[in-house]
Amino acid sequence: MNSAAGGGSFITLPALIFAGMPSVSANASSTVALFPGSLAGAWAYRSECTTFNGAPLKMMMAVSLVGGLSGALLLQLTPTTLFDKAIPWLLATGTVAFAVGPRLGRFISPTSTSQRRPIVILAAQAVLGVYGGYFGGAVGIMMMAVWSLFGITDIRSMNGVKTLLVGVTNAAAVFWFAAVGLVWWPQTFTMLTGAVIGGYSGAHFARRLNPVCLRRGITVFNILITACFFLKSIG
């Protein structure tokens, strides 16, 4: 899902929570488990990354790294009871972003002629990096939606860079979560193995799948997961 369209954390986070893990540790462990898959997907998309023209790629990676670390620190400071209440709303935010994000660029005039475009994109990327380090649901879709507002339309390039920057954001979060002991390693390693296989193979299969049908299917799944967590929060 992450390599083909995004939203993989809508599977991993609920699975870990329903297996009995505290929500904050589940979110941290989910991030660690998906991290190698992001790198595998980025490697598969490496040729597409070289054609991205929104902002300097090294700067995008730098702000994603700082943002991811900041988001991870924020998650560590969030009490589990508060995060439990926030999860349904975070999932809802990610679901909406996944469903409508790619369409935003059609309704807002692109500002690609502005000389300040790279600065604005970098600032937005820093905010998305914080969100990615804290929760990360559909953060890759949010990145692509933001870039589309600035007239960036090369889907393959956007998808490749999105996969790379999600991996960079997660790298900072993974380092922090491991350092402060939030990760449940046995469960994480089990999930991590599947994430590597899925991350690399997904990048290849994504080129053969109908993107519209794929996105619709994932959107329906995300809605169902979000609804389950809202029902759980009021049950």
C-alpha atoms as a PDB file:
ATOM      1  CA  MET A   1       0.000   0.000   0.000  1.00  0.00           C
ATOM      2  CA  ASN A   2       2.713   2.490   0.926  1.00  0.00           C
ATOM      3  CA  SER A   3       4.671   2.035  -2.287  1.00  0.00           C
ATOM      4  CA  ALA A   4       1.666   1.760  -4.563  1.00  0.00           C
ATOM      5  CA  ALA A   5      -0.484   4.558  -3.159  1.00  0.00           C
ATOM      6  CA  GLY A   6       0.078   5.155   0.560  1.00  0.00           C
ATOM      7  CA  GLY A   7      -1.800   4.495   3.769  1.00  0.00           C
ATOM      8  CA  GLY A   8       0.051   1.427   5.018  1.00  0.00           C
ATOM      9  CA  SER A   9      -0.120   2.625   8.617  1.00  0.00           C
ATOM     10  CA  PHE A  10      -3.904   2.166   8.451  1.00  0.00           C
ATOM     11  CA  ILE A  11      -3.112  -1.568   8.598  1.00  0.00           C
ATOM     12  CA  THR A  12      -0.060  -1.699  10.854  1.00  0.00           C
ATOM     13  CA  LEU A  13      -1.232   0.640  13.637  1.00  0.00           C
ATOM     14  CA  PRO A  14      -4.639  -1.011  14.200  1.00  0.00           C
ATOM     15  CA  ALA A  15      -3.058  -4.472  14.005  1.00  0.00           C
ATOM     16  CA  LEU A  16      -0.583  -3.631  16.768  1.00  0.00           C
ATOM     17  CA  ILE A  17      -3.224  -1.959  18.942  1.00  0.00           C
ATOM     18  CA  PHE A  18      -5.662  -4.845  18.550  1.00  0.00           C
ATOM     19  CA  ALA A  19      -2.800  -7.190  19.487  1.00  0.00           C
ATOM     20  CA  GLY A  20      -2.695  -5.477  22.893  1.00  0.00           C
ATOM     21  CA  MET A  21       0.040  -2.875  22.472  1.00  0.00           C
ATOM     22  CA  PRO A  22      -0.383   0.611  24.053  1.00  0.00           C
ATOM     23  CA  SER A  23      -1.259   3.144  21.363  1.00  0.00           C
ATOM     24  CA  VAL A  24       1.876   5.307  21.637  1.00  0.00           C
ATOM     25  CA  SER A  25       4.177   2.278  21.499  1.00  0.00           C
ATOM     26  CA  ALA A  26       2.052   0.816  18.685  1.00  0.00           C
ATOM     27  CA  ASN A  27       2.465   3.990  16.650  1.00  0.00           C
ATOM     28  CA  ALA A  28       6.213   4.041  17.281  1.00  0.00           C
ATOM     29  CA  SER A  29       6.562   0.336  16.462  1.00  0.00           C
ATOM     30  CA  SER A  30       4.476   0.781  13.307  1.00  0.00           C
ATOM     31  CA  THR A  31       6.809   3.550  12.141  1.00  0.00           C
ATOM     32  CA  VAL A  32       9.856   1.365  12.717  1.00  0.00           C
ATOM     33  CA  ALA A  33       8.257  -1.614  10.958  1.00  0.00           C
ATOM     34  CA  LEU A  34       7.387   0.400   7.848  1.00  0.00           C
ATOM     35  CA  PHE A  35      10.723   2.204   7.671  1.00  0.00           C
ATOM     36  CA  PRO A  36      12.693  -0.421   5.697  1.00  0.00           C
ATOM     37  CA  GLY A  37       9.774  -0.779   3.294  1.00  0.00           C
ATOM     38  CA  SER A  38       9.951   2.937   2.568  1.00  0.00           C
ATOM     39  CA  LEU A  39      13.639   2.661   1.800  1.00  0.00           C
ATOM     40  CA  ALA A  40      13.039  -0.380  -0.425  1.00  0.00           C
ATOM     41  CA  GLY A  41      10.324   1.497  -2.287  1.00  0.00           C
ATOM     42  CA  ALA A  42      12.541   4.576  -2.645  1.00  0.00           C
ATOM     43  CA  TRP A  43      15.320   2.430  -4.115  1.00  0.00           C
ATOM     44  CA  ALA A  44      12.898   0.982  -6.643  1.00  0.00           C
ATOM     45  CA  TYR A  45      11.854   4.540  -7.580  1.00  0.00           C
ATOM     46  CA  ARG A  46      15.408   5.944  -7.592  1.00  0.00           C
ATOM     47  CA  SER A  47      15.377   6.906 -11.270  1.00  0.00           C
ATOM     48  CA  GLU A  48      12.145   8.899 -10.888  1.00  0.00           C
ATOM     49  CA  CYS A  49      13.565  10.920  -7.966  1.00  0.00           C
ATOM     50  CA  THR A  50      16.139  12.622 -10.186  1.00  0.00           C
ATOM     51  CA  THR A  51      13.478  14.463 -12.202  1.00  0.00           C
ATOM     52  CA  PHE A  52      11.742  16.248  -9.306  1.00  0.00           C
ATOM     53  CA  ASN A  53      11.822  20.033  -9.808  1.00  0.00           C
ATOM     54  CA  GLY A  54       9.779  21.453  -6.941  1.00  0.00           C
ATOM     55  CA  ALA A  55      12.671  22.275  -4.586  1.00  0.00           C
ATOM     56  CA  PRO A  56      16.250  21.055  -4.072  1.00  0.00           C
ATOM     57  CA  LEU A  57      15.969  17.393  -3.101  1.00  0.00           C
ATOM     58  CA  LYS A  58      18.742  17.589  -0.487  1.00  0.00           C
ATOM     59  CA  MET A  59      16.953  20.468   1.242  1.00  0.00           C
ATOM     60  CA  MET A  60      13.672  18.539   1.136  1.00  0.00           C
ATOM     61  CA  MET A  61      15.422  15.615   2.807  1.00  0.00           C
ATOM     62  CA  ALA A  62      16.963  17.882   5.458  1.00  0.00           C
ATOM     63  CA  VAL A  63      13.694  19.536   6.508  1.00  0.00           C
ATOM     64  CA  SER A  64      11.931  16.137   6.476  1.00  0.00           C
ATOM     65  CA  LEU A  65      14.602  14.775   8.804  1.00  0.00           C
ATOM     66  CA  VAL A  66      14.251  17.666  11.269  1.00  0.00           C
ATOM     67  CA  GLY A  67      10.471  17.566  11.093  1.00  0.00           C
ATOM     68  CA  GLY A  68      10.383  13.814  11.647  1.00  0.00           C
ATOM     69  CA  LEU A  69      12.572  14.100  14.735  1.00  0.00           C
ATOM     70  CA  SER A  70      10.389  16.897  16.132  1.00  0.00           C
ATOM     71  CA  GLY A  71       7.229  14.848  15.574  1.00  0.00           C
ATOM     72  CA  ALA A  72       8.762  11.817  17.271  1.00  0.00           C
ATOM     73  CA  LEU A  73       9.673  13.903  20.310  1.00  0.00           C
ATOM     74  CA  LEU A  74       6.126  15.272  20.412  1.00  0.00           C
ATOM     75  CA  LEU A  75       4.712  11.733  20.338  1.00  0.00           C
ATOM     76  CA  GLN A  76       6.939  10.682  23.230  1.00  0.00           C
ATOM     77  CA  LEU A  77       5.608  13.584  25.294  1.00  0.00           C
ATOM     78  CA  THR A  78       1.958  12.735  24.523  1.00  0.00           C
ATOM     79  CA  PRO A  79       0.223  10.733  27.288  1.00  0.00           C
ATOM     80  CA  THR A  80      -1.209   7.419  26.070  1.00  0.00           C
ATOM     81  CA  THR A  81      -4.722   8.341  27.223  1.00  0.00           C
ATOM     82  CA  LEU A  82      -4.610  11.545  25.182  1.00  0.00           C
ATOM     83  CA  PHE A  83      -3.224   9.758  22.135  1.00  0.00           C
ATOM     84  CA  ASP A  84      -6.011   7.160  22.404  1.00  0.00           C
ATOM     85  CA  LYS A  85      -8.543   9.965  22.042  1.00  0.00           C
ATOM     86  CA  ALA A  86      -6.606  11.551  19.178  1.00  0.00           C
ATOM     87  CA  ILE A  87      -6.232   8.393  17.067  1.00  0.00           C
ATOM     88  CA  PRO A  88      -9.733   8.426  15.481  1.00  0.00           C
ATOM     89  CA  TRP A  89      -9.294  12.075  14.476  1.00  0.00           C
ATOM     90  CA  LEU A  90      -5.797  11.468  13.141  1.00  0.00           C
ATOM     91  CA  LEU A  91      -7.123   8.538  11.126  1.00  0.00           C
ATOM     92  CA  ALA A  92      -9.987  10.682   9.857  1.00  0.00           C
ATOM     93  CA  THR A  93      -7.532  13.394   8.798  1.00  0.00           C
ATOM     94  CA  GLY A  94      -5.436  10.834   6.963  1.00  0.00           C
ATOM     95  CA  THR A  95      -8.504   9.285   5.323  1.00  0.00           C
ATOM     96  CA  VAL A  96      -9.743  12.620   3.999  1.00  0.00           C
ATOM     97  CA  ALA A  97      -6.260  13.563   2.800  1.00  0.00           C
ATOM     98  CA  PHE A  98      -5.931  10.239   1.021  1.00  0.00           C
ATOM     99  CA  ALA A  99      -9.343  10.559  -0.624  1.00  0.00           C
ATOM    100  CA  VAL A 100      -9.255  14.182  -1.783  1.00  0.00           C
ATOM    101  CA  GLY A 101      -5.584  15.156  -1.704  1.00  0.00           C
ATOM    102  CA  PRO A 102      -4.775  14.375  -5.353  1.00  0.00           C
ATOM    103  CA  ARG A 103      -7.749  16.492  -6.471  1.00  0.00           C
ATOM    104  CA  LEU A 104      -6.779  19.660  -4.595  1.00  0.00           C
ATOM    105  CA  GLY A 105      -4.487  20.892  -7.321  1.00  0.00           C
ATOM    106  CA  ARG A 106      -7.391  21.003  -9.775  1.00  0.00           C
ATOM    107  CA  PHE A 107      -9.281  23.558  -7.692  1.00  0.00           C
ATOM    108  CA  ILE A 108      -6.455  25.843  -6.623  1.00  0.00           C
ATOM    109  CA  SER A 109      -4.456  27.806  -9.162  1.00  0.00           C
ATOM    110  CA  PRO A 110      -0.829  26.668  -9.218  1.00  0.00           C
ATOM    111  CA  THR A 111       1.809  29.213  -8.270  1.00  0.00           C
ATOM    112  CA  SER A 112       4.651  27.602 -10.154  1.00  0.00           C
ATOM    113  CA  THR A 113       5.816  30.927 -11.577  1.00  0.00           C
ATOM    114  CA  SER A 114       6.584  32.344  -8.147  1.00  0.00           C
ATOM    115  CA  GLN A 115      10.249  32.653  -7.372  1.00  0.00           C
ATOM    116  CA  ARG A 116       9.449  31.851  -3.758  1.00  0.00           C
ATOM    117  CA  ARG A 117       7.947  28.462  -4.631  1.00  0.00           C
ATOM    118  CA  PRO A 118      10.895  26.395  -3.320  1.00  0.00           C
ATOM    119  CA  ILE A 119      10.840  28.258   0.014  1.00  0.00           C
ATOM    120  CA  VAL A 120       7.113  27.672   0.473  1.00  0.00           C
ATOM    121  CA  ILE A 121       7.427  24.013  -0.498  1.00  0.00           C
ATOM    122  CA  LEU A 122      10.264  23.546   2.000  1.00  0.00           C
ATOM    123  CA  ALA A 123       8.219  25.200   4.755  1.00  0.00           C
ATOM    124  CA  ALA A 124       5.243  22.969   3.999  1.00  0.00           C
ATOM    125  CA  GLN A 125       7.525  19.944   3.936  1.00  0.00           C
ATOM    126  CA  ALA A 126       8.813  20.797   7.406  1.00  0.00           C
ATOM    127  CA  VAL A 127       5.237  20.813   8.763  1.00  0.00           C
ATOM    128  CA  LEU A 128       4.472  17.541   7.001  1.00  0.00           C
ATOM    129  CA  GLY A 129       7.665  16.103   8.471  1.00  0.00           C
ATOM    130  CA  VAL A 130       6.412  16.872  11.989  1.00  0.00           C
ATOM    131  CA  TYR A 131       3.093  15.200  11.200  1.00  0.00           C
ATOM    132  CA  GLY A 132       4.932  12.237   9.685  1.00  0.00           C
ATOM    133  CA  GLY A 133       7.109  11.764  12.761  1.00  0.00           C
ATOM    134  CA  TYR A 134       4.127  12.100  15.100  1.00  0.00           C
ATOM    135  CA  PHE A 135       1.568   9.951  13.284  1.00  0.00           C
ATOM    136  CA  GLY A 136       2.202   9.738   9.560  1.00  0.00           C
ATOM    137  CA  GLY A 137      -1.112   8.395   8.267  1.00  0.00           C
ATOM    138  CA  ALA A 138      -1.365   9.366   4.565  1.00  0.00           C
ATOM    139  CA  VAL A 139       1.537  11.806   4.941  1.00  0.00           C
ATOM    140  CA  GLY A 140       2.855  10.767   1.534  1.00  0.00           C
ATOM    141  CA  ILE A 141      -0.478  11.657  -0.077  1.00  0.00           C
ATOM    142  CA  MET A 142      -0.411  15.011   1.734  1.00  0.00           C
ATOM    143  CA  MET A 143       3.037  15.686   0.296  1.00  0.00           C
ATOM    144  CA  MET A 144       1.852  15.015  -3.239  1.00  0.00           C
ATOM    145  CA  ALA A 145      -1.250  17.144  -2.698  1.00  0.00           C
ATOM    146  CA  VAL A 146       0.863  20.088  -1.518  1.00  0.00           C
ATOM    147  CA  TRP A 147       3.275  19.764  -4.432  1.00  0.00           C
ATOM    148  CA  SER A 148       0.387  19.693  -6.898  1.00  0.00           C
ATOM    149  CA  LEU A 149      -0.672  23.141  -5.660  1.00  0.00           C
ATOM    150  CA  PHE A 150       2.569  24.500  -7.075  1.00  0.00           C
ATOM    151  CA  GLY A 151       2.101  23.098 -10.540  1.00  0.00           C
ATOM    152  CA  ILE A 152       4.165  19.923 -10.105  1.00  0.00           C
ATOM    153  CA  THR A 153       2.433  17.294 -12.212  1.00  0.00           C
ATOM    154  CA  ASP A 154       4.933  14.508 -12.916  1.00  0.00           C
ATOM    155  CA  ILE A 155       3.200  11.683 -11.043  1.00  0.00           C
ATOM    156  CA  ARG A 156       6.066   9.214 -11.279  1.00  0.00           C
ATOM    157  CA  SER A 157       8.585  11.746 -10.013  1.00  0.00           C
ATOM    158  CA  MET A 158       6.235  12.850  -7.220  1.00  0.00           C
ATOM    159  CA  ASN A 159       5.576   9.260  -6.182  1.00  0.00           C
ATOM    160  CA  GLY A 160       9.285   8.457  -6.092  1.00  0.00           C
ATOM    161  CA  VAL A 161      10.231  11.537  -4.079  1.00  0.00           C
ATOM    162  CA  LYS A 162       7.236  11.019  -1.796  1.00  0.00           C
ATOM    163  CA  THR A 163       8.455   7.503  -1.006  1.00  0.00           C
ATOM    164  CA  LEU A 164      11.981   8.775  -0.378  1.00  0.00           C
ATOM    165  CA  LEU A 165      10.914  11.634   1.901  1.00  0.00           C
ATOM    166  CA  VAL A 166       8.546   9.439   3.906  1.00  0.00           C
ATOM    167  CA  GLY A 167      11.525   7.168   4.475  1.00  0.00           C
ATOM    168  CA  VAL A 168      13.734  10.091   5.529  1.00  0.00           C
ATOM    169  CA  THR A 169      11.050  11.403   7.889  1.00  0.00           C
ATOM    170  CA  ASN A 170      10.654   7.959   9.404  1.00  0.00           C
ATOM    171  CA  ALA A 171      14.434   7.580   9.759  1.00  0.00           C
ATOM    172  CA  ALA A 172      14.547  10.394  12.286  1.00  0.00           C
ATOM    173  CA  ALA A 173      11.495   9.047  14.115  1.00  0.00           C
ATOM    174  CA  VAL A 174      12.890   5.509  14.139  1.00  0.00           C
ATOM    175  CA  PHE A 175      16.141   6.711  15.689  1.00  0.00           C
ATOM    176  CA  TRP A 176      14.300   8.546  18.445  1.00  0.00           C
ATOM    177  CA  PHE A 177      11.749   5.829  19.184  1.00  0.00           C
ATOM    178  CA  ALA A 178      14.513   3.233  19.469  1.00  0.00           C
ATOM    179  CA  ALA A 179      16.619   5.488  21.691  1.00  0.00           C
ATOM    180  CA  VAL A 180      13.841   6.171  24.198  1.00  0.00           C
ATOM    181  CA  GLY A 181      12.516   2.595  24.345  1.00  0.00           C
ATOM    182  CA  LEU A 182       9.082   3.023  22.759  1.00  0.00           C
ATOM    183  CA  VAL A 183       9.496   0.124  20.325  1.00  0.00           C
ATOM    184  CA  TRP A 184       8.221  -3.391  21.025  1.00  0.00           C
ATOM    185  CA  TRP A 185      10.868  -5.278  19.075  1.00  0.00           C
ATOM    186  CA  PRO A 186       9.480  -8.842  18.655  1.00  0.00           C
ATOM    187  CA  GLN A 187       6.238  -7.596  17.067  1.00  0.00           C
ATOM    188  CA  THR A 188       8.098  -4.929  15.115  1.00  0.00           C
ATOM    189  CA  PHE A 189      10.570  -7.344  13.535  1.00  0.00           C
ATOM    190  CA  THR A 190       7.735  -9.633  12.455  1.00  0.00           C
ATOM    191  CA  MET A 191       5.921  -6.780  10.748  1.00  0.00           C
ATOM    192  CA  LEU A 192       9.167  -5.309   9.397  1.00  0.00           C
ATOM    193  CA  THR A 193       9.908  -8.450   7.389  1.00  0.00           C
ATOM    194  CA  GLY A 194       6.640  -8.179   5.516  1.00  0.00           C
ATOM    195  CA  ALA A 195       7.105  -4.427   5.034  1.00  0.00           C
ATOM    196  CA  VAL A 196      10.412  -4.905   3.202  1.00  0.00           C
ATOM    197  CA  ILE A 197       8.904  -7.445   0.823  1.00  0.00           C
ATOM    198  CA  GLY A 198       5.812  -5.333   0.283  1.00  0.00           C
ATOM    199  CA  GLY A 199       7.697  -2.057  -0.105  1.00  0.00           C
ATOM    200  CA  TYR A 200       9.900  -3.297  -2.918  1.00  0.00           C
ATOM    201  CA  SER A 201       7.356  -5.430  -4.751  1.00  0.00           C
ATOM    202  CA  GLY A 202       4.657  -2.783  -4.364  1.00  0.00           C
ATOM    203  CA  ALA A 203       6.729  -0.218  -6.240  1.00  0.00           C
ATOM    204  CA  HIS A 204       6.915  -2.605  -9.203  1.00  0.00           C
ATOM    205  CA  PHE A 205       3.293  -3.765  -9.136  1.00  0.00           C
ATOM    206  CA  ALA A 206       2.047  -0.178  -8.801  1.00  0.00           C
ATOM    207  CA  ARG A 207       3.103   0.502 -12.385  1.00  0.00           C
ATOM    208  CA  ARG A 208       0.714  -2.225 -13.589  1.00  0.00           C
ATOM    209  CA  LEU A 209      -2.341  -1.471 -11.468  1.00  0.00           C
ATOM    210  CA  ASN A 210      -5.205   0.871 -12.264  1.00  0.00           C
ATOM    211  CA  PRO A 211      -4.432   3.811  -9.925  1.00  0.00           C
ATOM    212  CA  VAL A 212      -8.070   4.955  -9.726  1.00  0.00           C
ATOM    213  CA  CYS A 213      -9.387   1.548  -8.649  1.00  0.00           C
ATOM    214  CA  LEU A 214      -6.489   1.084  -6.253  1.00  0.00           C
ATOM    215  CA  ARG A 215      -7.099   4.433  -4.565  1.00  0.00           C
ATOM    216  CA  ARG A 216     -10.828   3.819  -4.268  1.00  0.00           C
ATOM    217  CA  GLY A 217     -10.272   0.438  -2.671  1.00  0.00           C
ATOM    218  CA  ILE A 218      -7.781   1.807  -0.153  1.00  0.00           C
ATOM    219  CA  THR A 219     -10.090   4.747   0.623  1.00  0.00           C
ATOM    220  CA  VAL A 220     -12.965   2.387   1.473  1.00  0.00           C
ATOM    221  CA  PHE A 221     -10.643   0.360   3.700  1.00  0.00           C
ATOM    222  CA  ASN A 222      -9.412   3.525   5.469  1.00  0.00           C
ATOM    223  CA  ILE A 223     -12.981   4.668   6.101  1.00  0.00           C
ATOM    224  CA  LEU A 224     -13.849   1.320   7.693  1.00  0.00           C
ATOM    225  CA  ILE A 225     -10.782   1.387   9.957  1.00  0.00           C
ATOM    226  CA  THR A 226     -11.502   4.983  10.990  1.00  0.00           C
ATOM    227  CA  ALA A 227     -15.121   4.118  11.763  1.00  0.00           C
ATOM    228  CA  CYS A 228     -13.997   1.196  13.932  1.00  0.00           C
ATOM    229  CA  PHE A 229     -11.789   3.474  16.028  1.00  0.00           C
ATOM    230  CA  PHE A 230     -14.554   6.056  16.454  1.00  0.00           C
ATOM    231  CA  LEU A 231     -16.918   3.305  17.603  1.00  0.00           C
ATOM    232  CA  LYS A 232     -14.223   1.984  19.945  1.00  0.00           C
ATOM    233  CA  SER A 233     -13.706   5.462  21.445  1.00  0.00           C
ATOM    234  CA  ILE A 234     -17.391   5.852  22.312  1.00  0.00           C
ATOM    235  CA  GLY A 235     -17.986   2.220  23.278  1.00  0.00           C
END
